[in-house]
Structures are given as C-alpha cells and as structure tokens.
Amino acid sequence: MRKPKRPYRFGIIFLLLTVPPIGATQLGWYLHDKQTGFDYGMIVGTVSVIYAAYLMYEKNWREEDED
C-alpha cells in the first residue's frame, strides 16, 4: 500500500491526534461526569499518540516523498 502524499499525511496525523481525544472527552463528560470525561480523553489520547508514532516511525510517514 502506498503512503499518501505529504500534505495528506500531515492532515491525517492532525485529525488522528485531535478528533478522537476531544470526542471521547466530550462524550464522557456528557454521559457521565467531568472527571470520567477527562479520563476517557486521556486514554483515547494515549492510544492516538501511540498510533501516530507507529505511522510516523514504523511506516516512515515523516520521510520525504520519493516522487
């Protein structure tokens, strides 16, 4: 599988690191309480950072395009 072009990779990483943690925080806050929402956001944020690091370092998304 080819990796996306550099601007798209930046966008994907940006969305990966912002949307899931904020969404989990908001849902937890709305459905439970403030502390639970914060905990959900921290858990999902940690998983998001791990996956973003995997993409950047193991899949070489931080390298320049070969084209």
PDB file of N, CA and C in Angstrom:
ATOM      1  N   MET A   1       0.842  -1.181   0.000  1.00  0.00           N
ATOM      2  CA  MET A   1       0.000   0.000   0.000  1.00  0.00           C
ATOM      3  C   MET A   1       0.883   1.239   0.000  1.00  0.00           C
ATOM      4  N   ARG A   2       0.566   2.147  -0.902  1.00  0.00           N
ATOM      5  CA  ARG A   2       1.332   3.389  -0.972  1.00  0.00           C
ATOM      6  C   ARG A   2       0.935   4.333   0.152  1.00  0.00           C
ATOM      7  N   LYS A   3       1.901   5.120   0.604  1.00  0.00           N
ATOM      8  CA  LYS A   3       1.550   6.111   1.615  1.00  0.00           C
ATOM      9  C   LYS A   3       1.024   7.368   0.929  1.00  0.00           C
ATOM     10  N   PRO A   4       0.151   8.095   1.592  1.00  0.00           N
ATOM     11  CA  PRO A   4      -0.423   9.305   0.998  1.00  0.00           C
ATOM     12  C   PRO A   4       0.653  10.379   0.791  1.00  0.00           C
ATOM     13  N   LYS A   5       0.308  11.380  -0.004  1.00  0.00           N
ATOM     14  CA  LYS A   5       1.234  12.493  -0.210  1.00  0.00           C
ATOM     15  C   LYS A   5       1.432  13.237   1.102  1.00  0.00           C
ATOM     16  N   ARG A   6       2.541  13.960   1.183  1.00  0.00           N
ATOM     17  CA  ARG A   6       2.949  14.612   2.430  1.00  0.00           C
ATOM     18  C   ARG A   6       1.872  15.502   3.061  1.00  0.00           C
ATOM     19  N   PRO A   7       1.203  16.395   2.318  1.00  0.00           N
ATOM     20  CA  PRO A   7       0.161  17.217   2.969  1.00  0.00           C
ATOM     21  C   PRO A   7      -0.981  16.387   3.544  1.00  0.00           C
ATOM     22  N   TYR A   8      -1.345  15.303   2.866  1.00  0.00           N
ATOM     23  CA  TYR A   8      -2.407  14.448   3.380  1.00  0.00           C
ATOM     24  C   TYR A   8      -1.962  13.710   4.636  1.00  0.00           C
ATOM     25  N   ARG A   9      -0.698  13.319   4.682  1.00  0.00           N
ATOM     26  CA  ARG A   9      -0.181  12.656   5.888  1.00  0.00           C
ATOM     27  C   ARG A   9      -0.255  13.591   7.086  1.00  0.00           C
ATOM     28  N   PHE A  10       0.117  14.869   6.876  1.00  0.00           N
ATOM     29  CA  PHE A  10       0.021  15.840   7.965  1.00  0.00           C
ATOM     30  C   PHE A  10      -1.419  15.998   8.425  1.00  0.00           C
ATOM     31  N   GLY A  11      -2.340  16.062   7.487  1.00  0.00           N
ATOM     32  CA  GLY A  11      -3.758  16.197   7.836  1.00  0.00           C
ATOM     33  C   GLY A  11      -4.281  14.995   8.593  1.00  0.00           C
ATOM     34  N   ILE A  12      -3.890  13.805   8.152  1.00  0.00           N
ATOM     35  CA  ILE A  12      -4.338  12.580   8.825  1.00  0.00           C
ATOM     36  C   ILE A  12      -3.806  12.524  10.250  1.00  0.00           C
ATOM     37  N   ILE A  13      -2.511  12.836  10.420  1.00  0.00           N
ATOM     38  CA  ILE A  13      -1.920  12.838  11.767  1.00  0.00           C
ATOM     39  C   ILE A  13      -2.601  13.888  12.640  1.00  0.00           C
ATOM     40  N   PHE A  14      -2.836  15.077  12.082  1.00  0.00           N
ATOM     41  CA  PHE A  14      -3.510  16.136  12.834  1.00  0.00           C
ATOM     42  C   PHE A  14      -4.888  15.696  13.310  1.00  0.00           C
ATOM     43  N   LEU A  15      -5.673  15.129  12.384  1.00  0.00           N
ATOM     44  CA  LEU A  15      -7.011  14.676  12.753  1.00  0.00           C
ATOM     45  C   LEU A  15      -6.969  13.528  13.753  1.00  0.00           C
ATOM     46  N   LEU A  16      -6.010  12.634  13.587  1.00  0.00           N
ATOM     47  CA  LEU A  16      -5.865  11.496  14.498  1.00  0.00           C
ATOM     48  C   LEU A  16      -5.546  11.960  15.915  1.00  0.00           C
ATOM     49  N   LEU A  17      -4.750  13.010  16.035  1.00  0.00           N
ATOM     50  CA  LEU A  17      -4.341  13.475  17.359  1.00  0.00           C
ATOM     51  C   LEU A  17      -5.324  14.448  18.001  1.00  0.00           C
ATOM     52  N   THR A  18      -6.303  14.944  17.255  1.00  0.00           N
ATOM     53  CA  THR A  18      -7.235  15.912  17.841  1.00  0.00           C
ATOM     54  C   THR A  18      -8.664  15.401  17.974  1.00  0.00           C
ATOM     55  N   VAL A  19      -9.199  14.808  16.929  1.00  0.00           N
ATOM     56  CA  VAL A  19     -10.631  14.464  16.920  1.00  0.00           C
ATOM     57  C   VAL A  19     -10.985  13.369  17.933  1.00  0.00           C
ATOM     58  N   PRO A  20     -10.318  12.203  17.940  1.00  0.00           N
ATOM     59  CA  PRO A  20     -10.728  11.162  18.900  1.00  0.00           C
ATOM     60  C   PRO A  20     -10.593  11.567  20.376  1.00  0.00           C
ATOM     61  N   PRO A  21      -9.473  12.202  20.803  1.00  0.00           N
ATOM     62  CA  PRO A  21      -9.407  12.569  22.225  1.00  0.00           C
ATOM     63  C   PRO A  21     -10.449  13.612  22.627  1.00  0.00           C
ATOM     64  N   ILE A  22     -10.672  14.599  21.770  1.00  0.00           N
ATOM     65  CA  ILE A  22     -11.666  15.623  22.100  1.00  0.00           C
ATOM     66  C   ILE A  22     -13.063  15.009  22.118  1.00  0.00           C
ATOM     67  N   GLY A  23     -13.346  14.153  21.137  1.00  0.00           N
ATOM     68  CA  GLY A  23     -14.653  13.498  21.099  1.00  0.00           C
ATOM     69  C   GLY A  23     -14.896  12.605  22.300  1.00  0.00           C
ATOM     70  N   ALA A  24     -13.877  11.837  22.695  1.00  0.00           N
ATOM     71  CA  ALA A  24     -14.025  10.965  23.864  1.00  0.00           C
ATOM     72  C   ALA A  24     -14.219  11.787  25.135  1.00  0.00           C
ATOM     73  N   THR A  25     -13.504  12.893  25.246  1.00  0.00           N
ATOM     74  CA  THR A  25     -13.664  13.755  26.414  1.00  0.00           C
ATOM     75  C   THR A  25     -15.078  14.320  26.473  1.00  0.00           C
ATOM     76  N   GLN A  26     -15.561  14.817  25.345  1.00  0.00           N
ATOM     77  CA  GLN A  26     -16.893  15.408  25.321  1.00  0.00           C
ATOM     78  C   GLN A  26     -17.980  14.372  25.601  1.00  0.00           C
ATOM     79  N   LEU A  27     -17.862  13.189  24.998  1.00  0.00           N
ATOM     80  CA  LEU A  27     -18.865  12.145  25.248  1.00  0.00           C
ATOM     81  C   LEU A  27     -18.846  11.676  26.698  1.00  0.00           C
ATOM     82  N   GLY A  28     -17.656  11.463  27.244  1.00  0.00           N
ATOM     83  CA  GLY A  28     -17.566  11.053  28.642  1.00  0.00           C
ATOM     84  C   GLY A  28     -18.109  12.111  29.584  1.00  0.00           C
ATOM     85  N   TRP A  29     -17.825  13.364  29.272  1.00  0.00           N
ATOM     86  CA  TRP A  29     -18.308  14.475  30.097  1.00  0.00           C
ATOM     87  C   TRP A  29     -19.832  14.541  30.033  1.00  0.00           C
ATOM     88  N   TYR A  30     -20.383  14.367  28.824  1.00  0.00           N
ATOM     89  CA  TYR A  30     -21.827  14.465  28.644  1.00  0.00           C
ATOM     90  C   TYR A  30     -22.554  13.273  29.256  1.00  0.00           C
ATOM     91  N   LEU A  31     -22.020  12.069  29.059  1.00  0.00           N
ATOM     92  CA  LEU A  31     -22.715  10.870  29.511  1.00  0.00           C
ATOM     93  C   LEU A  31     -22.485  10.555  30.990  1.00  0.00           C
ATOM     94  N   HIS A  32     -21.345  10.968  31.533  1.00  0.00           N
ATOM     95  CA  HIS A  32     -21.033  10.640  32.918  1.00  0.00           C
ATOM     96  C   HIS A  32     -20.814  11.912  33.728  1.00  0.00           C
ATOM     97  N   ASP A  33     -19.571  12.256  33.952  1.00  0.00           N
ATOM     98  CA  ASP A  33     -19.267  13.488  34.662  1.00  0.00           C
ATOM     99  C   ASP A  33     -17.928  14.032  34.179  1.00  0.00           C
ATOM    100  N   LYS A  34     -17.506  15.145  34.752  1.00  0.00           N
ATOM    101  CA  LYS A  34     -16.305  15.829  34.289  1.00  0.00           C
ATOM    102  C   LYS A  34     -15.055  14.963  34.416  1.00  0.00           C
ATOM    103  N   GLN A  35     -14.851  14.323  35.535  1.00  0.00           N
ATOM    104  CA  GLN A  35     -13.651  13.508  35.768  1.00  0.00           C
ATOM    105  C   GLN A  35     -13.611  12.292  34.843  1.00  0.00           C
ATOM    106  N   THR A  36     -14.736  11.645  34.639  1.00  0.00           N
ATOM    107  CA  THR A  36     -14.787  10.486  33.752  1.00  0.00           C
ATOM    108  C   THR A  36     -14.498  10.899  32.313  1.00  0.00           C
ATOM    109  N   GLY A  37     -15.037  12.029  31.890  1.00  0.00           N
ATOM    110  CA  GLY A  37     -14.753  12.536  30.550  1.00  0.00           C
ATOM    111  C   GLY A  37     -13.276  12.820  30.356  1.00  0.00           C
ATOM    112  N   PHE A  38     -12.670  13.409  31.365  1.00  0.00           N
ATOM    113  CA  PHE A  38     -11.229  13.673  31.306  1.00  0.00           C
ATOM    114  C   PHE A  38     -10.444  12.366  31.219  1.00  0.00           C
ATOM    115  N   ASP A  39     -10.841  11.378  31.992  1.00  0.00           N
ATOM    116  CA  ASP A  39     -10.166  10.074  31.950  1.00  0.00           C
ATOM    117  C   ASP A  39     -10.297   9.415  30.584  1.00  0.00           C
ATOM    118  N   TYR A  40     -11.501   9.453  30.012  1.00  0.00           N
ATOM    119  CA  TYR A  40     -11.698   8.894  28.670  1.00  0.00           C
ATOM    120  C   TYR A  40     -10.814   9.599  27.647  1.00  0.00           C
ATOM    121  N   GLY A  41     -10.756  10.910  27.739  1.00  0.00           N
ATOM    122  CA  GLY A  41      -9.919  11.678  26.819  1.00  0.00           C
ATOM    123  C   GLY A  41      -8.447  11.329  26.944  1.00  0.00           C
ATOM    124  N   MET A  42      -7.977  11.115  28.169  1.00  0.00           N
ATOM    125  CA  MET A  42      -6.570  10.744  28.371  1.00  0.00           C
ATOM    126  C   MET A  42      -6.277   9.359  27.809  1.00  0.00           C
ATOM    127  N   ILE A  43      -7.185   8.428  28.001  1.00  0.00           N
ATOM    128  CA  ILE A  43      -6.977   7.059  27.490  1.00  0.00           C
ATOM    129  C   ILE A  43      -6.968   7.061  25.966  1.00  0.00           C
ATOM    130  N   VAL A  44      -7.953   7.688  25.357  1.00  0.00           N
ATOM    131  CA  VAL A  44      -8.020   7.728  23.896  1.00  0.00           C
ATOM    132  C   VAL A  44      -6.865   8.543  23.332  1.00  0.00           C
ATOM    133  N   GLY A  45      -6.459   9.602  24.017  1.00  0.00           N
ATOM    134  CA  GLY A  45      -5.318  10.399  23.579  1.00  0.00           C
ATOM    135  C   GLY A  45      -4.024   9.603  23.587  1.00  0.00           C
ATOM    136  N   THR A  46      -3.839   8.776  24.594  1.00  0.00           N
ATOM    137  CA  THR A  46      -2.640   7.934  24.657  1.00  0.00           C
ATOM    138  C   THR A  46      -2.610   6.945  23.505  1.00  0.00           C
ATOM    139  N   VAL A  47      -3.729   6.324  23.234  1.00  0.00           N
ATOM    140  CA  VAL A  47      -3.805   5.381  22.107  1.00  0.00           C
ATOM    141  C   VAL A  47      -3.563   6.111  20.786  1.00  0.00           C
ATOM    142  N   SER A  48      -4.092   7.320  20.641  1.00  0.00           N
ATOM    143  CA  SER A  48      -3.893   8.091  19.418  1.00  0.00           C
ATOM    144  C   SER A  48      -2.424   8.455  19.213  1.00  0.00           C
ATOM    145  N   VAL A  49      -1.752   8.831  20.274  1.00  0.00           N
ATOM    146  CA  VAL A  49      -0.331   9.176  20.167  1.00  0.00           C
ATOM    147  C   VAL A  49       0.489   7.948  19.805  1.00  0.00           C
ATOM    148  N   ILE A  50       0.167   6.805  20.380  1.00  0.00           N
ATOM    149  CA  ILE A  50       0.884   5.576  20.054  1.00  0.00           C
ATOM    150  C   ILE A  50       0.688   5.228  18.583  1.00  0.00           C
ATOM    151  N   TYR A  51      -0.528   5.340  18.078  1.00  0.00           N
ATOM    152  CA  TYR A  51      -0.788   5.019  16.678  1.00  0.00           C
ATOM    153  C   TYR A  51      -0.122   6.032  15.739  1.00  0.00           C
ATOM    154  N   ALA A  52      -0.132   7.315  16.105  1.00  0.00           N
ATOM    155  CA  ALA A  52       0.536   8.325  15.281  1.00  0.00           C
ATOM    156  C   ALA A  52       2.045   8.077  15.238  1.00  0.00           C
ATOM    157  N   ALA A  53       2.635   7.698  16.359  1.00  0.00           N
ATOM    158  CA  ALA A  53       4.064   7.381  16.371  1.00  0.00           C
ATOM    159  C   ALA A  53       4.359   6.162  15.520  1.00  0.00           C
ATOM    160  N   TYR A  54       3.477   5.181  15.552  1.00  0.00           N
ATOM    161  CA  TYR A  54       3.636   3.996  14.705  1.00  0.00           C
ATOM    162  C   TYR A  54       3.636   4.392  13.232  1.00  0.00           C
ATOM    163  N   LEU A  55       2.687   5.238  12.837  1.00  0.00           N
ATOM    164  CA  LEU A  55       2.635   5.666  11.447  1.00  0.00           C
ATOM    165  C   LEU A  55       3.882   6.461  11.065  1.00  0.00           C
ATOM    166  N   MET A  56       4.327   7.344  11.936  1.00  0.00           N
ATOM    167  CA  MET A  56       5.450   8.199  11.593  1.00  0.00           C
ATOM    168  C   MET A  56       6.779   7.444  11.546  1.00  0.00           C
ATOM    169  N   TYR A  57       7.002   6.549  12.476  1.00  0.00           N
ATOM    170  CA  TYR A  57       8.314   5.918  12.571  1.00  0.00           C
ATOM    171  C   TYR A  57       8.373   4.535  11.940  1.00  0.00           C
ATOM    172  N   GLU A  58       7.352   3.733  12.077  1.00  0.00           N
ATOM    173  CA  GLU A  58       7.381   2.388  11.502  1.00  0.00           C
ATOM    174  C   GLU A  58       6.974   2.382  10.030  1.00  0.00           C
ATOM    175  N   LYS A  59       6.037   3.239   9.678  1.00  0.00           N
ATOM    176  CA  LYS A  59       5.579   3.319   8.289  1.00  0.00           C
ATOM    177  C   LYS A  59       6.300   4.424   7.511  1.00  0.00           C
ATOM    178  N   ASN A  60       7.253   5.107   8.147  1.00  0.00           N
ATOM    179  CA  ASN A  60       8.079   6.165   7.515  1.00  0.00           C
ATOM    180  C   ASN A  60       7.250   7.306   6.925  1.00  0.00           C
ATOM    181  N   TRP A  61       6.235   7.753   7.632  1.00  0.00           N
ATOM    182  CA  TRP A  61       5.432   8.867   7.168  1.00  0.00           C
ATOM    183  C   TRP A  61       6.139  10.200   7.333  1.00  0.00           C
ATOM    184  N   ARG A  62       7.216  10.264   8.081  1.00  0.00           N
ATOM    185  CA  ARG A  62       7.899  11.538   8.266  1.00  0.00           C
ATOM    186  C   ARG A  62       8.962  11.769   7.205  1.00  0.00           C
ATOM    187  N   GLU A  63       9.211  10.783   6.357  1.00  0.00           N
ATOM    188  CA  GLU A  63      10.204  10.914   5.287  1.00  0.00           C
ATOM    189  C   GLU A  63       9.619  11.682   4.112  1.00  0.00           C
ATOM    190  N   GLU A  64      10.495  12.240   3.294  1.00  0.00           N
ATOM    191  CA  GLU A  64      10.071  12.951   2.091  1.00  0.00           C
ATOM    192  C   GLU A  64       9.490  11.963   1.080  1.00  0.00           C
ATOM    193  N   ASP A  65       8.695  12.490   0.165  1.00  0.00           N
ATOM    194  CA  ASP A  65       8.143  11.656  -0.908  1.00  0.00           C
ATOM    195  C   ASP A  65       9.246  11.280  -1.887  1.00  0.00           C
ATOM    196  N   GLU A  66       9.133  10.079  -2.445  1.00  0.00           N
ATOM    197  CA  GLU A  66      10.139   9.612  -3.404  1.00  0.00           C
ATOM    198  C   GLU A  66       9.863  10.096  -4.818  1.00  0.00           C
ATOM    199  N   ASP A  67       8.653  10.630  -5.054  1.00  0.00           N
ATOM    200  CA  ASP A  67       8.269  11.019  -6.425  1.00  0.00           C
ATOM    201  C   ASP A  67       9.111  12.124  -6.963  1.00  0.00           C
TER     202      ASP A  67
END
